Amino acid sequence: MLCQLEMEEMYGEPFQVPSPDETLFTSWFEGGETFRSGLLYRRGNGQIFYFRPGHEAYPTYHNINVQIVIKNAIHFVKQTNKILWEDIHSPTPKSNRPKPIEKISKKGFSVGHPTEEK
């Protein structure tokens, strides 16, 4: 789908973010500049959608096509899995960890991890 906004703030590369799993939108501007404007990241069981439709200088968020992209993104990234979090990074095995300098005990309130048994 091609969506052209009449007036828009220019953003340019380099855009210092991690390489996305997918680039969904690229903006282009009058001087030939381009900018990766819709990026998808997959992390654990979830997805992150970055969208750059503009800023406060122009009424970009009132554009029906921009609103549709935001609405679709919300439905696309919402959780469909019952598992809250799957840690995809292997922790250091306990046998390889250095010995603590002192014993640290839990103090006060703790949120804990969603998979932690109570």
N, C-alpha and C. Protein backbone atom coordinates (compact mmCIF):
# COMPACT_ATOMS: atom_id res chain seq x y z
N MET A 1 0.84 -1.17 0.00
CA MET A 1 0.00 0.00 0.00
C MET A 1 0.88 1.23 0.00
N LEU A 2 0.62 2.16 -0.87
CA LEU A 2 1.35 3.41 -0.95
C LEU A 2 0.53 4.48 -0.24
N CYS A 3 1.13 5.10 0.75
CA CYS A 3 0.47 6.17 1.49
C CYS A 3 1.37 7.39 1.42
N GLN A 4 0.91 8.43 0.79
CA GLN A 4 1.71 9.62 0.66
C GLN A 4 1.10 10.74 1.49
N LEU A 5 1.90 11.29 2.40
CA LEU A 5 1.45 12.38 3.25
C LEU A 5 1.87 13.69 2.61
N GLU A 6 0.93 14.63 2.52
CA GLU A 6 1.20 15.90 1.85
C GLU A 6 2.34 16.68 2.51
N MET A 7 2.30 16.81 3.81
CA MET A 7 3.33 17.53 4.55
C MET A 7 3.84 16.61 5.66
N GLU A 8 5.15 16.54 5.81
CA GLU A 8 5.71 15.66 6.82
C GLU A 8 7.09 16.15 7.21
N GLU A 9 7.45 15.98 8.49
CA GLU A 9 8.79 16.30 8.95
C GLU A 9 9.77 15.32 8.35
N MET A 10 10.95 15.81 7.98
CA MET A 10 11.95 14.93 7.39
C MET A 10 12.83 14.34 8.48
N TYR A 11 13.02 13.06 8.41
CA TYR A 11 13.96 12.34 9.25
C TYR A 11 14.95 11.67 8.31
N GLY A 12 16.18 11.49 8.73
CA GLY A 12 17.15 10.88 7.83
C GLY A 12 17.99 9.82 8.51
N GLU A 13 18.60 9.01 7.70
CA GLU A 13 19.52 7.99 8.18
C GLU A 13 20.88 8.65 8.39
N PRO A 14 21.75 8.12 9.22
CA PRO A 14 21.61 6.82 9.86
C PRO A 14 20.67 6.88 11.07
N PHE A 15 19.92 5.83 11.25
CA PHE A 15 19.00 5.68 12.36
C PHE A 15 19.58 4.58 13.23
N GLN A 16 20.14 4.97 14.35
CA GLN A 16 20.95 4.08 15.18
C GLN A 16 20.09 3.16 16.06
N VAL A 17 19.48 2.17 15.44
CA VAL A 17 18.70 1.16 16.16
C VAL A 17 19.20 -0.21 15.73
N PRO A 18 18.94 -1.25 16.52
CA PRO A 18 19.34 -2.60 16.08
C PRO A 18 18.68 -2.96 14.74
N SER A 19 19.34 -3.82 14.00
CA SER A 19 18.76 -4.27 12.73
C SER A 19 17.41 -4.93 13.00
N PRO A 20 16.37 -4.49 12.29
CA PRO A 20 15.05 -5.08 12.52
C PRO A 20 14.94 -6.46 11.88
N ASP A 21 13.96 -7.23 12.36
CA ASP A 21 13.66 -8.50 11.71
C ASP A 21 13.01 -8.25 10.36
N GLU A 22 12.23 -7.17 10.28
CA GLU A 22 11.62 -6.77 9.01
C GLU A 22 11.49 -5.26 8.95
N THR A 23 11.69 -4.70 7.76
CA THR A 23 11.41 -3.29 7.51
C THR A 23 10.11 -3.25 6.72
N LEU A 24 9.07 -2.68 7.33
CA LEU A 24 7.74 -2.69 6.72
C LEU A 24 7.44 -1.41 5.94
N PHE A 25 7.99 -0.28 6.40
CA PHE A 25 7.74 1.00 5.73
C PHE A 25 9.04 1.76 5.57
N THR A 26 9.19 2.43 4.44
CA THR A 26 10.29 3.34 4.20
C THR A 26 9.71 4.66 3.73
N SER A 27 10.13 5.74 4.38
CA SER A 27 9.67 7.07 3.97
C SER A 27 10.70 7.66 3.01
N TRP A 28 10.23 8.46 2.09
CA TRP A 28 11.15 9.17 1.21
C TRP A 28 10.71 10.62 1.18
N PHE A 29 11.70 11.49 1.01
CA PHE A 29 11.46 12.93 1.10
C PHE A 29 11.93 13.62 -0.17
N GLU A 30 11.51 14.87 -0.32
CA GLU A 30 11.74 15.65 -1.53
C GLU A 30 13.19 15.67 -2.00
N GLY A 31 14.15 15.76 -1.08
CA GLY A 31 15.56 15.82 -1.46
C GLY A 31 16.18 14.48 -1.76
N GLY A 32 15.40 13.40 -1.73
CA GLY A 32 15.91 12.06 -2.02
C GLY A 32 16.26 11.27 -0.77
N GLU A 33 16.12 11.89 0.40
CA GLU A 33 16.42 11.18 1.63
C GLU A 33 15.39 10.09 1.88
N THR A 34 15.84 9.02 2.51
CA THR A 34 14.92 7.94 2.89
C THR A 34 15.10 7.66 4.38
N PHE A 35 14.09 7.04 4.97
CA PHE A 35 14.14 6.71 6.40
C PHE A 35 13.30 5.47 6.63
N ARG A 36 13.85 4.51 7.40
CA ARG A 36 13.10 3.29 7.74
C ARG A 36 12.04 3.67 8.78
N SER A 37 10.79 3.70 8.36
CA SER A 37 9.72 4.25 9.19
C SER A 37 8.82 3.22 9.85
N GLY A 38 8.91 1.99 9.46
CA GLY A 38 8.11 0.93 10.08
C GLY A 38 8.98 -0.30 10.24
N LEU A 39 9.33 -0.62 11.48
CA LEU A 39 10.25 -1.72 11.75
C LEU A 39 9.59 -2.75 12.67
N LEU A 40 9.87 -4.00 12.43
CA LEU A 40 9.32 -5.08 13.25
C LEU A 40 10.47 -5.85 13.89
N TYR A 41 10.36 -6.02 15.21
CA TYR A 41 11.32 -6.81 15.98
C TYR A 41 10.56 -7.93 16.67
N ARG A 42 11.17 -9.11 16.73
CA ARG A 42 10.61 -10.22 17.50
C ARG A 42 11.52 -10.44 18.69
N ARG A 43 10.95 -10.38 19.89
CA ARG A 43 11.72 -10.57 21.12
C ARG A 43 10.95 -11.51 22.02
N GLY A 44 11.58 -12.63 22.40
CA GLY A 44 10.90 -13.61 23.24
C GLY A 44 9.63 -14.08 22.56
N ASN A 45 8.51 -14.01 23.27
CA ASN A 45 7.22 -14.39 22.70
C ASN A 45 6.50 -13.22 22.06
N GLY A 46 7.10 -12.04 22.06
CA GLY A 46 6.39 -10.86 21.60
C GLY A 46 6.98 -10.23 20.36
N GLN A 47 6.30 -9.21 19.92
CA GLN A 47 6.75 -8.44 18.76
C GLN A 47 6.71 -6.97 19.13
N ILE A 48 7.64 -6.22 18.56
CA ILE A 48 7.71 -4.78 18.78
C ILE A 48 7.60 -4.13 17.40
N PHE A 49 6.70 -3.18 17.29
CA PHE A 49 6.54 -2.45 16.03
C PHE A 49 6.92 -1.00 16.26
N TYR A 50 7.93 -0.52 15.53
CA TYR A 50 8.33 0.89 15.58
C TYR A 50 7.71 1.57 14.37
N PHE A 51 7.06 2.70 14.59
CA PHE A 51 6.42 3.42 13.49
C PHE A 51 6.73 4.91 13.65
N ARG A 52 7.21 5.54 12.60
CA ARG A 52 7.54 6.94 12.61
C ARG A 52 6.62 7.69 11.65
N PRO A 53 5.44 8.03 12.11
CA PRO A 53 4.56 8.78 11.21
C PRO A 53 4.78 10.28 11.27
N GLY A 54 5.50 10.78 12.23
CA GLY A 54 5.72 12.22 12.28
C GLY A 54 5.95 12.71 13.69
N HIS A 55 5.62 13.98 13.87
CA HIS A 55 5.86 14.65 15.14
C HIS A 55 4.78 15.69 15.30
N GLU A 56 5.03 16.74 16.10
CA GLU A 56 3.97 17.72 16.33
C GLU A 56 3.85 18.79 15.25
N ALA A 57 4.80 18.89 14.33
CA ALA A 57 4.79 19.98 13.35
C ALA A 57 3.64 19.88 12.33
N TYR A 58 3.20 18.67 12.02
CA TYR A 58 2.12 18.46 11.05
C TYR A 58 1.07 17.52 11.67
N PRO A 59 -0.19 17.62 11.25
CA PRO A 59 -1.26 16.79 11.84
C PRO A 59 -1.29 15.36 11.30
N THR A 60 -0.14 14.72 11.28
CA THR A 60 0.01 13.38 10.70
C THR A 60 -0.93 12.35 11.34
N TYR A 61 -1.08 12.43 12.67
CA TYR A 61 -1.87 11.41 13.37
C TYR A 61 -3.36 11.53 13.06
N HIS A 62 -3.77 12.58 12.40
CA HIS A 62 -5.18 12.72 12.00
C HIS A 62 -5.45 12.09 10.63
N ASN A 63 -4.39 11.69 9.94
CA ASN A 63 -4.52 11.04 8.63
C ASN A 63 -5.10 9.64 8.82
N ILE A 64 -6.16 9.33 8.11
CA ILE A 64 -6.86 8.05 8.27
C ILE A 64 -5.94 6.86 8.00
N ASN A 65 -5.03 6.97 7.03
CA ASN A 65 -4.11 5.86 6.73
C ASN A 65 -3.13 5.61 7.86
N VAL A 66 -2.67 6.68 8.50
CA VAL A 66 -1.76 6.54 9.65
C VAL A 66 -2.52 5.89 10.80
N GLN A 67 -3.75 6.28 11.03
CA GLN A 67 -4.56 5.67 12.08
C GLN A 67 -4.81 4.19 11.83
N ILE A 68 -5.01 3.82 10.58
CA ILE A 68 -5.21 2.40 10.22
C ILE A 68 -3.94 1.60 10.50
N VAL A 69 -2.77 2.17 10.17
CA VAL A 69 -1.50 1.47 10.44
C VAL A 69 -1.35 1.24 11.94
N ILE A 70 -1.63 2.26 12.75
CA ILE A 70 -1.51 2.13 14.20
C ILE A 70 -2.48 1.08 14.74
N LYS A 71 -3.71 1.12 14.26
CA LYS A 71 -4.72 0.14 14.70
C LYS A 71 -4.29 -1.28 14.32
N ASN A 72 -3.84 -1.46 13.09
CA ASN A 72 -3.39 -2.78 12.64
C ASN A 72 -2.17 -3.26 13.44
N ALA A 73 -1.27 -2.33 13.75
CA ALA A 73 -0.07 -2.68 14.51
C ALA A 73 -0.43 -3.18 15.91
N ILE A 74 -1.42 -2.53 16.53
CA ILE A 74 -1.86 -2.96 17.87
C ILE A 74 -2.37 -4.39 17.82
N HIS A 75 -3.17 -4.70 16.81
CA HIS A 75 -3.71 -6.06 16.69
C HIS A 75 -2.63 -7.07 16.32
N PHE A 76 -1.64 -6.63 15.54
CA PHE A 76 -0.59 -7.52 15.09
C PHE A 76 0.35 -7.91 16.23
N VAL A 77 0.71 -6.96 17.10
CA VAL A 77 1.69 -7.26 18.14
C VAL A 77 1.08 -7.76 19.43
N LYS A 78 -0.25 -7.71 19.55
CA LYS A 78 -0.86 -8.16 20.81
C LYS A 78 -0.54 -9.64 21.06
N GLN A 79 -0.48 -9.97 22.31
CA GLN A 79 -0.09 -11.32 22.71
C GLN A 79 -1.17 -12.33 22.33
N THR A 80 -0.75 -13.40 21.67
CA THR A 80 -1.68 -14.48 21.33
C THR A 80 -1.32 -15.75 22.08
N ASN A 81 -0.23 -15.69 22.81
CA ASN A 81 0.31 -16.83 23.50
C ASN A 81 0.02 -16.71 25.00
N LYS A 82 -0.32 -17.79 25.67
CA LYS A 82 -0.63 -17.75 27.10
C LYS A 82 0.63 -17.64 27.96
N ILE A 83 1.78 -18.01 27.42
CA ILE A 83 3.03 -17.90 28.16
C ILE A 83 3.42 -16.42 28.17
N LEU A 84 3.62 -15.85 29.36
CA LEU A 84 3.94 -14.43 29.45
C LEU A 84 5.32 -14.11 28.88
N TRP A 85 6.28 -14.94 29.18
CA TRP A 85 7.63 -14.63 28.74
C TRP A 85 8.42 -15.91 28.59
N GLU A 86 9.16 -16.01 27.52
CA GLU A 86 10.06 -17.14 27.32
C GLU A 86 11.44 -16.54 27.19
N ASP A 87 12.29 -16.84 28.13
CA ASP A 87 13.64 -16.28 28.11
C ASP A 87 14.44 -17.02 27.05
N ILE A 88 14.78 -16.33 25.97
CA ILE A 88 15.49 -16.97 24.87
C ILE A 88 17.01 -16.89 25.04
N HIS A 89 17.47 -16.21 26.10
CA HIS A 89 18.90 -16.09 26.35
C HIS A 89 19.28 -17.06 27.46
N SER A 90 20.25 -17.91 27.19
CA SER A 90 20.67 -18.90 28.18
C SER A 90 21.43 -18.21 29.30
N PRO A 91 20.99 -18.40 30.54
CA PRO A 91 21.74 -17.81 31.65
C PRO A 91 23.03 -18.58 31.90
N THR A 92 23.94 -17.94 32.60
CA THR A 92 25.18 -18.63 32.97
C THR A 92 24.84 -19.77 33.91
N PRO A 93 25.30 -20.98 33.62
CA PRO A 93 25.01 -22.10 34.54
C PRO A 93 25.51 -21.75 35.94
N LYS A 94 24.75 -22.18 36.96
CA LYS A 94 25.10 -21.85 38.35
C LYS A 94 26.50 -22.33 38.72
N SER A 95 26.93 -23.45 38.16
CA SER A 95 28.24 -23.99 38.51
C SER A 95 29.37 -23.09 38.01
N ASN A 96 29.12 -22.26 36.99
CA ASN A 96 30.17 -21.39 36.44
C ASN A 96 30.16 -19.99 37.03
N ARG A 97 29.20 -19.70 37.89
CA ARG A 97 29.11 -18.35 38.45
C ARG A 97 30.15 -18.16 39.54
N PRO A 98 30.71 -16.95 39.64
CA PRO A 98 31.65 -16.71 40.73
C PRO A 98 30.91 -16.68 42.07
N LYS A 99 31.63 -17.01 43.13
CA LYS A 99 31.04 -17.00 44.47
C LYS A 99 30.76 -15.55 44.87
N PRO A 100 29.59 -15.28 45.48
CA PRO A 100 29.30 -13.91 45.92
C PRO A 100 30.24 -13.48 47.04
N ILE A 101 30.51 -12.18 47.09
CA ILE A 101 31.38 -11.64 48.13
C ILE A 101 30.68 -11.74 49.49
N GLU A 102 29.37 -11.48 49.49
CA GLU A 102 28.59 -11.59 50.72
C GLU A 102 27.20 -12.10 50.37
N LYS A 103 26.50 -12.62 51.37
CA LYS A 103 25.14 -13.11 51.15
C LYS A 103 24.20 -11.91 51.07
N ILE A 104 23.42 -11.85 50.00
CA ILE A 104 22.45 -10.77 49.82
C ILE A 104 21.07 -11.36 50.05
N SER A 105 20.35 -10.76 50.98
CA SER A 105 19.01 -11.26 51.26
C SER A 105 17.98 -10.28 50.70
N LYS A 106 16.81 -10.82 50.41
CA LYS A 106 15.71 -10.03 49.87
C LYS A 106 15.21 -9.05 50.92
N LYS A 107 15.01 -7.79 50.52
CA LYS A 107 14.51 -6.78 51.44
C LYS A 107 13.30 -6.11 50.81
N GLY A 108 12.25 -5.96 51.56
CA GLY A 108 11.09 -5.22 51.08
C GLY A 108 10.31 -5.94 50.00
N PHE A 109 9.59 -5.16 49.22
CA PHE A 109 8.69 -5.65 48.19
C PHE A 109 9.45 -6.13 46.97
N SER A 110 8.99 -7.22 46.37
CA SER A 110 9.60 -7.75 45.15
C SER A 110 8.51 -8.18 44.20
N VAL A 111 8.61 -7.77 42.95
CA VAL A 111 7.62 -8.14 41.94
C VAL A 111 7.82 -9.57 41.49
N GLY A 112 9.05 -9.97 41.29
CA GLY A 112 9.32 -11.34 40.87
C GLY A 112 9.14 -11.53 39.38
N HIS A 113 9.32 -12.73 38.94
CA HIS A 113 9.21 -13.10 37.54
C HIS A 113 7.86 -13.78 37.33
N PRO A 114 7.18 -13.53 36.17
CA PRO A 114 5.84 -14.10 35.96
C PRO A 114 5.79 -15.63 36.06
N THR A 115 6.89 -16.30 35.80
CA THR A 115 6.88 -17.77 35.85
C THR A 115 7.30 -18.31 37.21
N GLU A 116 7.70 -17.42 38.11
CA GLU A 116 8.15 -17.81 39.44
C GLU A 116 6.99 -18.35 40.26
N GLU A 117 7.19 -19.49 40.92
CA GLU A 117 6.15 -20.04 41.77
C GLU A 117 6.07 -19.26 43.06
N LYS A 118 4.86 -19.11 43.59
CA LYS A 118 4.68 -18.31 44.80
C LYS A 118 4.74 -19.17 46.03
